[in-house]
Amino acid sequence: MDFFKAMFEDIGVGNETALYLTNLLLIVAIAALCIVANFVTKKVVLKILTKAIHNNRFQWDNIFLERKVFHKLSHFVPAVIIYNFSSLFPAYQQVIIKCVGIYVIIVAILVINAFLNAVNDIYRTYEVSKSRPIRGYIQVVKIFVYIIGGILVISGMIGKSPLLLLSGIGALSAVIMLVFKDSLLGLVAGIQLASNDMVRVGDWIEMPKYGADGDIIDISLNTVKVQNWDKTIVMIPSYALISDSFKNWRGMQNAGGRRIKRSLFIDTSSITFCTEEMINRFKGIHLLTNYISSKQQEIAAYHADRQIDTSNRVNGRALTNIGVFRMYIQNYLQNHPQIHQEMTLIVRQLEPGETGLPLEIYAFTNDTRWAVYEGIQSDIFDHILAIAPEFGLRVFQNPSGNDIKQGLSVKQEQYSM
């Protein structure tokens, strides 16, 4: 400073003006040095570092690079230069140091934020992240970092100890609890969700109260993000998964079987005993040959042991078309390549009602994918609906306009005769 000041005075500049010009020149020189240093750091040092990171076999450093952790660290360089040259301005040295300190705190917060984001990204590359996500915990750490950073910045600006500000926070605890209510509830809920393994990223959940029916794509501190099957996004509060009920389909996906539980309604007026002609025809069905033969022997032995008069069909036992049809469906499902044979497989009658006799199929497919599951279920019922008339059975349905039209046509023909 003395050199530049003397140089300005030698060319006839006044003492006060020379001091002003000297300070201005130093400020410009320091600013130019900061710009050059920042340019060299980002364009040279970071470029070399980036090349070295891309050429090694580790992946975690690539994530740090993508999150710009090293780029944000380069902002410390101008702060170091300004701090070292602050002694050139003794009148403003304390102010400069204070401003540099605030700048360093802000940059440090940005670096820590980027670092935590990178840690979360690295953790998500592991399979355990689906069952134990840490994003919520990282957000809690960020909140503490922001609070501590804000306290340090404010204490630096007013020139007071951070402990003095911390002591005053106790009086504002009620306000803090109110402001961060959702975050605190989310933190508690996140711990319970993770410890009990209630939800994971990728789970299919149903929560009608919030209009959620789809896959979880993200779990954060305050919310669980669900992408519905219609591609809409639903945000559910984390604590709602603790306080309210929801359905998680992960058990079905892990079990490897998806349930079919659907009924076929049979018109009860079509149910009858099997005639000899029907029995002979049923014997020709591959899936029923052994069943019909064994059942006939069993019935004949039953009648012989009890000397039952079979001239009246009410006496003794007899095959019915509904019973044979039910056994056909049972055998059909047991031989179906896409039905899980190690899980429950039942074909049962439910209580008859105004819509006929429900014949329910309770089975599991061996493929849990939605489209495949629906295709298997549709193929099975396509076959059953088409085969029912072969057993003399009618599937119940309410009369349609065409049925009424046909009935009226029959009556008109009868009247005309």
Protein backbone atom coordinates (compact mmCIF):
# COMPACT_ATOMS: atom_id res chain seq x y z
CA MET A 1 0.00 0.00 0.00
CA ASP A 2 2.87 2.37 0.83
CA PHE A 3 4.45 1.70 -2.56
CA PHE A 4 1.28 2.50 -4.51
CA LYS A 5 0.50 5.48 -2.31
CA ALA A 6 3.99 6.91 -2.85
CA MET A 7 3.69 6.33 -6.60
CA PHE A 8 0.43 8.30 -6.77
CA GLU A 9 1.90 11.12 -4.65
CA ASP A 10 4.93 11.34 -6.95
CA ILE A 11 2.72 12.10 -9.91
CA GLY A 12 1.08 14.97 -8.03
CA VAL A 13 -1.98 13.27 -6.52
CA GLY A 14 -3.06 14.52 -3.11
CA ASN A 15 -2.51 12.45 -0.01
CA GLU A 16 -6.20 11.65 0.58
CA THR A 17 -6.87 10.95 -3.09
CA ALA A 18 -3.75 8.78 -3.29
CA LEU A 19 -4.99 6.72 -0.35
CA TYR A 20 -8.40 6.33 -2.00
CA LEU A 21 -6.87 5.28 -5.33
CA THR A 22 -4.52 2.88 -3.58
CA ASN A 23 -7.40 1.17 -1.80
CA LEU A 24 -9.38 1.03 -5.03
CA LEU A 25 -6.45 -0.46 -6.89
CA LEU A 26 -5.91 -3.09 -4.22
CA ILE A 27 -9.60 -4.00 -4.23
CA VAL A 28 -9.52 -4.41 -8.00
CA ALA A 29 -6.29 -6.44 -7.79
CA ILE A 30 -7.70 -8.73 -5.06
CA ALA A 31 -10.97 -9.16 -6.98
CA ALA A 32 -9.01 -10.01 -10.14
CA LEU A 33 -6.90 -12.49 -8.15
CA CYS A 34 -10.05 -14.12 -6.76
CA ILE A 35 -11.54 -14.41 -10.22
CA VAL A 36 -8.35 -15.91 -11.63
CA ALA A 37 -7.99 -18.31 -8.70
CA ASN A 38 -11.64 -19.39 -9.02
CA PHE A 39 -11.20 -19.84 -12.78
CA VAL A 40 -8.04 -21.92 -12.33
CA THR A 41 -9.72 -24.03 -9.64
CA LYS A 42 -12.80 -24.79 -11.71
CA LYS A 43 -11.30 -25.02 -15.20
CA VAL A 44 -7.97 -26.65 -14.39
CA VAL A 45 -7.99 -28.36 -11.00
CA LEU A 46 -11.59 -29.61 -11.23
CA LYS A 47 -11.08 -30.70 -14.84
CA ILE A 48 -8.09 -32.80 -13.84
CA LEU A 49 -10.00 -34.15 -10.84
CA THR A 50 -13.02 -34.98 -13.02
CA LYS A 51 -10.85 -36.89 -15.48
CA ALA A 52 -9.24 -38.85 -12.64
CA ILE A 53 -12.64 -39.68 -11.16
CA HIS A 54 -14.05 -40.93 -14.46
CA ASN A 55 -11.01 -43.12 -15.06
CA ASN A 56 -11.03 -44.99 -11.74
CA ARG A 57 -13.15 -48.02 -10.87
CA PHE A 58 -15.06 -46.44 -8.00
CA GLN A 59 -18.62 -45.18 -8.44
CA TRP A 60 -19.14 -43.19 -5.27
CA ASP A 61 -16.81 -40.38 -6.39
CA ASN A 62 -18.82 -40.02 -9.61
CA ILE A 63 -21.88 -39.34 -7.49
CA PHE A 64 -19.99 -36.69 -5.52
CA LEU A 65 -19.06 -35.15 -8.85
CA GLU A 66 -22.66 -35.22 -10.09
CA ARG A 67 -23.84 -33.55 -6.91
CA LYS A 68 -21.17 -30.84 -7.44
CA VAL A 69 -19.56 -31.34 -4.04
CA PHE A 70 -16.12 -30.48 -5.42
CA HIS A 71 -17.49 -27.50 -7.37
CA LYS A 72 -18.94 -26.03 -4.20
CA LEU A 73 -15.66 -26.60 -2.34
CA SER A 74 -13.95 -24.37 -4.92
CA HIS A 75 -15.89 -21.39 -3.53
CA PHE A 76 -13.63 -21.47 -0.47
CA VAL A 77 -10.67 -20.29 -2.56
CA PRO A 78 -11.80 -16.63 -2.93
CA ALA A 79 -12.64 -16.53 0.80
CA VAL A 80 -9.09 -17.66 1.70
CA ILE A 81 -7.56 -15.00 -0.58
CA ILE A 82 -9.74 -12.19 0.79
CA TYR A 83 -9.02 -13.29 4.37
CA ASN A 84 -5.25 -13.26 3.80
CA PHE A 85 -5.34 -9.78 2.26
CA SER A 86 -7.67 -8.30 4.88
CA SER A 87 -4.69 -6.99 6.83
CA LEU A 88 -4.07 -4.48 3.99
CA PHE A 89 -7.19 -2.64 5.15
CA PRO A 90 -6.68 -2.28 8.91
CA ALA A 91 -9.62 0.08 9.29
CA TYR A 92 -11.99 -2.46 7.79
CA GLN A 93 -10.18 -5.66 8.70
CA GLN A 94 -12.71 -6.82 11.31
CA VAL A 95 -15.64 -6.12 9.00
CA ILE A 96 -13.93 -8.01 6.17
CA ILE A 97 -13.15 -10.97 8.42
CA LYS A 98 -16.76 -11.00 9.66
CA CYS A 99 -18.12 -10.98 6.08
CA VAL A 100 -15.67 -13.69 5.05
CA GLY A 101 -16.76 -15.78 8.03
CA ILE A 102 -20.44 -15.45 7.06
CA TYR A 103 -19.59 -16.34 3.45
CA VAL A 104 -17.62 -19.41 4.58
CA ILE A 105 -20.54 -20.58 6.76
CA ILE A 106 -22.97 -20.25 3.83
CA VAL A 107 -20.61 -22.11 1.49
CA ALA A 108 -20.07 -24.80 4.15
CA ILE A 109 -23.85 -25.28 4.41
CA LEU A 110 -24.07 -25.70 0.63
CA VAL A 111 -21.18 -28.19 0.66
CA ILE A 112 -22.73 -30.22 3.49
CA ASN A 113 -26.09 -30.19 1.69
CA ALA A 114 -24.50 -31.50 -1.52
CA PHE A 115 -22.49 -34.06 0.46
CA LEU A 116 -25.60 -35.40 2.21
CA ASN A 117 -27.44 -35.64 -1.13
CA ALA A 118 -24.50 -37.62 -2.52
CA VAL A 119 -24.51 -39.94 0.51
CA ASN A 120 -28.21 -40.63 -0.06
CA ASP A 121 -27.58 -41.33 -3.77
CA ILE A 122 -24.74 -43.73 -2.91
CA TYR A 123 -26.89 -45.51 -0.34
CA ARG A 124 -29.70 -45.92 -2.87
CA THR A 125 -27.41 -47.95 -5.11
CA TYR A 126 -27.61 -50.76 -2.54
CA GLU A 127 -30.59 -53.13 -2.32
CA VAL A 128 -31.04 -52.44 1.40
CA SER A 129 -32.14 -48.87 0.56
CA LYS A 130 -35.54 -50.19 -0.59
CA SER A 131 -36.32 -51.57 2.84
CA ARG A 132 -34.34 -49.06 4.92
CA PRO A 133 -34.45 -45.64 3.21
CA ILE A 134 -32.42 -42.91 4.90
CA ARG A 135 -33.70 -39.87 3.05
CA GLY A 136 -35.87 -38.86 6.01
CA TYR A 137 -32.92 -39.00 8.40
CA ILE A 138 -30.77 -37.00 5.99
CA GLN A 139 -33.46 -34.33 5.84
CA VAL A 140 -33.42 -34.15 9.64
CA VAL A 141 -29.64 -33.68 9.56
CA LYS A 142 -30.11 -30.93 6.96
CA ILE A 143 -32.59 -29.15 9.21
CA PHE A 144 -30.09 -29.17 12.08
CA VAL A 145 -27.33 -27.97 9.73
CA TYR A 146 -29.52 -25.09 8.51
CA ILE A 147 -30.47 -24.14 12.06
CA ILE A 148 -26.88 -24.21 13.32
CA GLY A 149 -25.68 -22.37 10.20
CA GLY A 150 -28.37 -19.73 10.62
CA ILE A 151 -27.42 -19.23 14.28
CA LEU A 152 -23.75 -18.86 13.35
CA VAL A 153 -24.55 -16.37 10.58
CA ILE A 154 -26.78 -14.28 12.84
CA SER A 155 -24.24 -14.35 15.69
CA GLY A 156 -21.54 -13.29 13.23
CA MET A 157 -23.62 -10.38 11.98
CA ILE A 158 -24.53 -9.04 15.43
CA GLY A 159 -21.18 -9.93 16.98
CA LYS A 160 -22.66 -12.04 19.78
CA SER A 161 -21.79 -15.53 20.97
CA PRO A 162 -23.81 -18.37 19.40
CA LEU A 163 -24.44 -19.69 22.91
CA LEU A 164 -26.40 -16.54 23.66
CA LEU A 165 -28.71 -17.23 20.74
CA LEU A 166 -29.04 -20.88 21.68
CA SER A 167 -30.13 -19.94 25.19
CA GLY A 168 -32.91 -17.84 23.70
CA ILE A 169 -34.20 -20.69 21.58
CA GLY A 170 -35.59 -22.38 24.69
CA ALA A 171 -38.18 -19.62 24.95
CA LEU A 172 -39.16 -20.23 21.32
CA SER A 173 -39.47 -24.00 21.69
CA ALA A 174 -43.27 -23.89 21.47
CA VAL A 175 -43.07 -21.91 18.23
CA ILE A 176 -40.45 -24.30 16.85
CA MET A 177 -42.63 -27.29 17.74
CA LEU A 178 -45.52 -25.68 15.87
CA VAL A 179 -43.45 -24.76 12.81
CA PHE A 180 -41.73 -28.16 12.57
CA LYS A 181 -44.74 -30.22 13.66
CA ASP A 182 -44.96 -32.13 10.37
CA SER A 183 -41.21 -32.74 10.29
CA LEU A 184 -41.19 -34.10 13.84
CA LEU A 185 -44.19 -36.33 13.16
CA GLY A 186 -42.56 -37.44 9.92
CA LEU A 187 -39.32 -38.27 11.73
CA VAL A 188 -41.12 -40.43 14.30
CA ALA A 189 -43.20 -42.08 11.57
CA GLY A 190 -40.10 -42.69 9.44
CA ILE A 191 -38.37 -44.46 12.32
CA GLN A 192 -41.43 -46.66 12.92
CA LEU A 193 -41.88 -47.41 9.21
CA ALA A 194 -38.22 -48.38 8.85
CA SER A 195 -37.94 -50.38 12.06
CA ASN A 196 -41.13 -52.36 11.34
CA ASP A 197 -40.38 -52.67 7.61
CA MET A 198 -43.88 -51.45 6.79
CA VAL A 199 -43.18 -49.87 3.42
CA ARG A 200 -40.33 -49.80 0.94
CA VAL A 201 -39.64 -47.98 -2.29
CA GLY A 202 -41.26 -50.08 -5.01
CA ASP A 203 -44.08 -51.45 -2.81
CA TRP A 204 -47.60 -51.42 -4.21
CA ILE A 205 -49.92 -49.92 -1.62
CA GLU A 206 -53.62 -49.04 -1.50
CA MET A 207 -54.87 -46.18 0.64
CA PRO A 208 -58.35 -45.11 -0.55
CA LYS A 209 -58.56 -42.26 1.95
CA TYR A 210 -55.78 -40.45 0.08
CA GLY A 211 -56.65 -41.80 -3.37
CA ALA A 212 -53.47 -43.87 -3.50
CA ASP A 213 -53.29 -47.11 -5.47
CA GLY A 214 -49.87 -47.69 -6.98
CA ASP A 215 -46.14 -48.01 -6.38
CA ILE A 216 -44.13 -46.04 -3.83
CA ILE A 217 -41.47 -44.10 -5.72
CA ASP A 218 -40.02 -42.04 -2.88
CA ILE A 219 -40.00 -41.89 0.92
CA SER A 220 -38.96 -38.58 2.48
CA LEU A 221 -39.15 -37.02 5.93
CA ASN A 222 -42.64 -35.56 5.55
CA THR A 223 -44.23 -37.44 2.68
CA VAL A 224 -44.45 -40.76 0.87
CA LYS A 225 -44.78 -40.33 -2.88
CA VAL A 226 -47.02 -42.87 -4.64
CA GLN A 227 -47.42 -43.15 -8.40
CA ASN A 228 -50.89 -44.48 -9.17
CA TRP A 229 -51.59 -46.83 -12.06
CA ASP A 230 -53.05 -43.92 -14.03
CA LYS A 231 -49.63 -42.24 -13.65
CA THR A 232 -50.89 -39.58 -11.26
CA ILE A 233 -48.77 -38.77 -8.20
CA VAL A 234 -50.19 -38.82 -4.67
CA MET A 235 -48.33 -37.35 -1.71
CA ILE A 236 -49.21 -39.07 1.58
CA PRO A 237 -48.01 -37.68 4.94
CA SER A 238 -45.56 -40.14 6.48
CA TYR A 239 -47.36 -40.19 9.80
CA ALA A 240 -50.62 -41.12 8.00
CA LEU A 241 -49.13 -44.55 7.30
CA ILE A 242 -48.85 -45.01 11.07
CA SER A 243 -52.17 -43.52 12.14
CA ASP A 244 -54.34 -44.86 9.28
CA SER A 245 -54.71 -48.28 7.70
CA PHE A 246 -53.41 -49.16 4.25
CA LYS A 247 -52.88 -52.29 2.18
CA ASN A 248 -49.39 -53.35 1.12
CA TRP A 249 -49.24 -55.86 -1.72
CA ARG A 250 -45.60 -56.76 -1.10
CA GLY A 251 -46.58 -60.03 0.60
CA MET A 252 -48.38 -61.16 -2.54
CA GLN A 253 -45.42 -60.22 -4.73
CA ASN A 254 -42.94 -62.01 -2.47
CA ALA A 255 -45.14 -65.11 -2.18
CA GLY A 256 -45.07 -65.61 -5.95
CA GLY A 257 -48.82 -66.17 -6.26
CA ARG A 258 -51.74 -63.81 -6.89
CA ARG A 259 -55.24 -64.79 -5.82
CA ILE A 260 -58.19 -65.46 -8.08
CA LYS A 261 -61.46 -65.19 -6.14
CA ARG A 262 -64.37 -64.98 -8.52
CA SER A 263 -67.77 -66.66 -8.73
CA LEU A 264 -69.73 -68.09 -11.62
CA PHE A 265 -73.51 -67.87 -11.07
CA ILE A 266 -75.41 -70.97 -12.19
CA ASP A 267 -79.13 -70.89 -12.97
CA THR A 268 -80.57 -73.31 -10.38
CA SER A 269 -83.31 -74.46 -12.78
CA SER A 270 -80.63 -76.08 -14.95
CA ILE A 271 -79.26 -78.26 -12.12
CA THR A 272 -80.31 -81.92 -12.45
CA PHE A 273 -79.28 -85.55 -11.96
CA CYS A 274 -77.02 -87.01 -14.62
CA THR A 275 -78.66 -89.37 -17.09
CA GLU A 276 -76.89 -92.41 -18.54
CA GLU A 277 -76.37 -90.51 -21.75
CA MET A 278 -74.78 -87.61 -19.87
CA ILE A 279 -72.55 -89.96 -17.86
CA ASN A 280 -71.32 -91.70 -21.00
CA ARG A 281 -70.62 -88.33 -22.58
CA PHE A 282 -68.76 -87.12 -19.49
CA LYS A 283 -66.57 -90.25 -19.55
CA GLY A 284 -65.22 -89.06 -22.86
CA ILE A 285 -63.85 -85.88 -21.23
CA HIS A 286 -60.22 -86.56 -20.42
CA LEU A 287 -60.23 -84.70 -17.10
CA LEU A 288 -63.34 -86.59 -15.89
CA THR A 289 -62.73 -90.17 -17.05
CA ASN A 290 -61.13 -91.40 -13.83
CA TYR A 291 -63.50 -89.39 -11.64
CA ILE A 292 -66.68 -90.75 -13.30
CA SER A 293 -65.44 -94.36 -13.16
CA SER A 294 -64.41 -94.20 -9.49
CA LYS A 295 -67.60 -92.35 -8.56
CA GLN A 296 -69.81 -94.94 -10.28
CA GLN A 297 -68.06 -97.75 -8.42
CA GLU A 298 -68.39 -95.90 -5.13
CA ILE A 299 -72.13 -95.25 -5.67
CA ALA A 300 -72.79 -98.84 -6.79
CA ALA A 301 -71.02 -100.21 -3.69
CA TYR A 302 -72.97 -97.81 -1.48
CA HIS A 303 -76.31 -98.95 -2.94
CA ALA A 304 -75.38 -102.65 -2.74
CA ASP A 305 -74.31 -102.42 0.91
CA ARG A 306 -77.59 -100.74 1.89
CA GLN A 307 -79.83 -102.59 -0.60
CA ILE A 308 -81.25 -99.35 -1.91
CA ASP A 309 -83.95 -99.41 -4.58
CA THR A 310 -82.58 -97.24 -7.36
CA SER A 311 -85.69 -97.37 -9.53
CA ASN A 312 -86.66 -94.14 -7.84
CA ARG A 313 -83.89 -91.59 -8.38
CA VAL A 314 -84.69 -89.94 -5.09
CA ASN A 315 -83.35 -92.98 -3.27
CA GLY A 316 -79.62 -93.34 -2.70
CA ARG A 317 -76.92 -91.32 -4.33
CA ALA A 318 -76.51 -90.09 -7.89
CA LEU A 319 -74.23 -87.86 -9.92
CA THR A 320 -75.43 -84.34 -10.66
CA ASN A 321 -74.36 -82.11 -13.51
CA ILE A 322 -73.34 -79.35 -11.10
CA GLY A 323 -71.16 -81.76 -9.08
CA VAL A 324 -69.48 -83.14 -12.19
CA PHE A 325 -68.99 -79.59 -13.50
CA ARG A 326 -67.40 -78.52 -10.20
CA MET A 327 -65.02 -81.49 -10.32
CA TYR A 328 -64.16 -80.69 -13.94
CA ILE A 329 -63.15 -77.14 -12.94
CA GLN A 330 -61.11 -78.54 -10.03
CA ASN A 331 -59.21 -80.93 -12.31
CA TYR A 332 -58.85 -78.26 -14.97
CA LEU A 333 -57.19 -75.87 -12.52
CA GLN A 334 -54.97 -78.62 -11.07
CA ASN A 335 -53.64 -79.27 -14.56
CA HIS A 336 -53.35 -75.61 -15.56
CA PRO A 337 -49.68 -74.63 -16.07
CA GLN A 338 -50.20 -71.07 -14.78
CA ILE A 339 -51.97 -71.95 -11.52
CA HIS A 340 -49.79 -72.17 -8.41
CA GLN A 341 -50.25 -75.77 -7.26
CA GLU A 342 -48.63 -75.26 -3.83
CA MET A 343 -51.17 -72.66 -2.74
CA THR A 344 -54.84 -72.99 -1.85
CA LEU A 345 -56.98 -74.26 -4.71
CA ILE A 346 -60.72 -74.62 -4.03
CA VAL A 347 -63.81 -74.76 -6.21
CA ARG A 348 -66.79 -74.39 -3.89
CA GLN A 349 -70.49 -73.61 -3.80
CA LEU A 350 -71.65 -70.53 -1.93
CA GLU A 351 -75.09 -69.82 -0.58
CA PRO A 352 -77.73 -69.69 -3.36
CA GLY A 353 -79.42 -66.36 -3.87
CA GLU A 354 -81.57 -64.39 -6.24
CA THR A 355 -78.82 -64.52 -8.84
CA GLY A 356 -78.53 -68.31 -8.77
CA LEU A 357 -75.97 -70.66 -7.27
CA PRO A 358 -72.51 -69.07 -6.93
CA LEU A 359 -69.72 -71.45 -7.91
CA GLU A 360 -66.56 -69.79 -6.59
CA ILE A 361 -63.03 -70.36 -7.80
CA TYR A 362 -60.39 -69.70 -5.16
CA ALA A 363 -56.89 -70.21 -6.55
CA PHE A 364 -53.55 -68.47 -7.12
CA THR A 365 -51.72 -67.74 -10.35
CA ASN A 366 -47.96 -68.39 -10.43
CA ASP A 367 -47.29 -64.98 -12.03
CA THR A 368 -47.99 -61.84 -10.01
CA ARG A 369 -47.63 -59.34 -12.84
CA TRP A 370 -50.88 -57.47 -13.26
CA ALA A 371 -51.33 -57.86 -17.02
CA VAL A 372 -50.33 -61.54 -16.97
CA TYR A 373 -52.59 -62.23 -13.98
CA GLU A 374 -55.60 -60.65 -15.67
CA GLY A 375 -54.89 -62.63 -18.84
CA ILE A 376 -54.74 -65.94 -16.94
CA GLN A 377 -57.95 -65.19 -15.04
CA SER A 378 -59.77 -64.16 -18.21
CA ASP A 379 -58.63 -67.30 -20.08
CA ILE A 380 -59.88 -69.54 -17.27
CA PHE A 381 -63.32 -67.96 -17.14
CA ASP A 382 -63.55 -67.81 -20.94
CA HIS A 383 -63.16 -71.58 -20.95
CA ILE A 384 -65.53 -72.21 -18.03
CA LEU A 385 -68.30 -70.00 -19.44
CA ALA A 386 -68.01 -71.69 -22.83
CA ILE A 387 -67.96 -75.23 -21.40
CA ALA A 388 -70.89 -74.85 -18.96
CA PRO A 389 -73.62 -75.72 -21.57
CA GLU A 390 -71.84 -79.03 -22.22
CA PHE A 391 -72.91 -80.04 -18.70
CA GLY A 392 -76.49 -78.94 -19.21
CA LEU A 393 -75.97 -75.83 -17.08
CA ARG A 394 -76.99 -72.28 -17.76
CA VAL A 395 -75.09 -69.29 -16.47
CA PHE A 396 -77.47 -66.88 -14.73
CA GLN A 397 -77.96 -63.36 -15.97
CA ASN A 398 -80.85 -60.93 -15.66
CA PRO A 399 -83.21 -60.82 -18.66
CA SER A 400 -82.07 -58.46 -21.37
CA GLY A 401 -84.16 -56.60 -23.92
CA ASN A 402 -83.45 -59.32 -26.47
CA ASP A 403 -84.82 -62.01 -24.09
CA ILE A 404 -88.06 -60.06 -23.65
CA LYS A 405 -88.32 -59.53 -27.39
CA GLN A 406 -87.93 -63.26 -28.05
CA GLY A 407 -90.57 -64.05 -25.41
CA LEU A 408 -93.05 -61.69 -26.99
CA SER A 409 -92.37 -63.22 -30.42
CA VAL A 410 -93.13 -66.71 -29.07
CA LYS A 411 -96.42 -65.53 -27.56
CA GLN A 412 -97.46 -63.87 -30.82
CA GLU A 413 -96.78 -67.11 -32.69
CA GLN A 414 -98.88 -69.06 -30.17
CA TYR A 415 -101.78 -66.62 -30.53
CA SER A 416 -101.60 -66.74 -34.30
CA MET A 417 -101.85 -70.53 -34.21
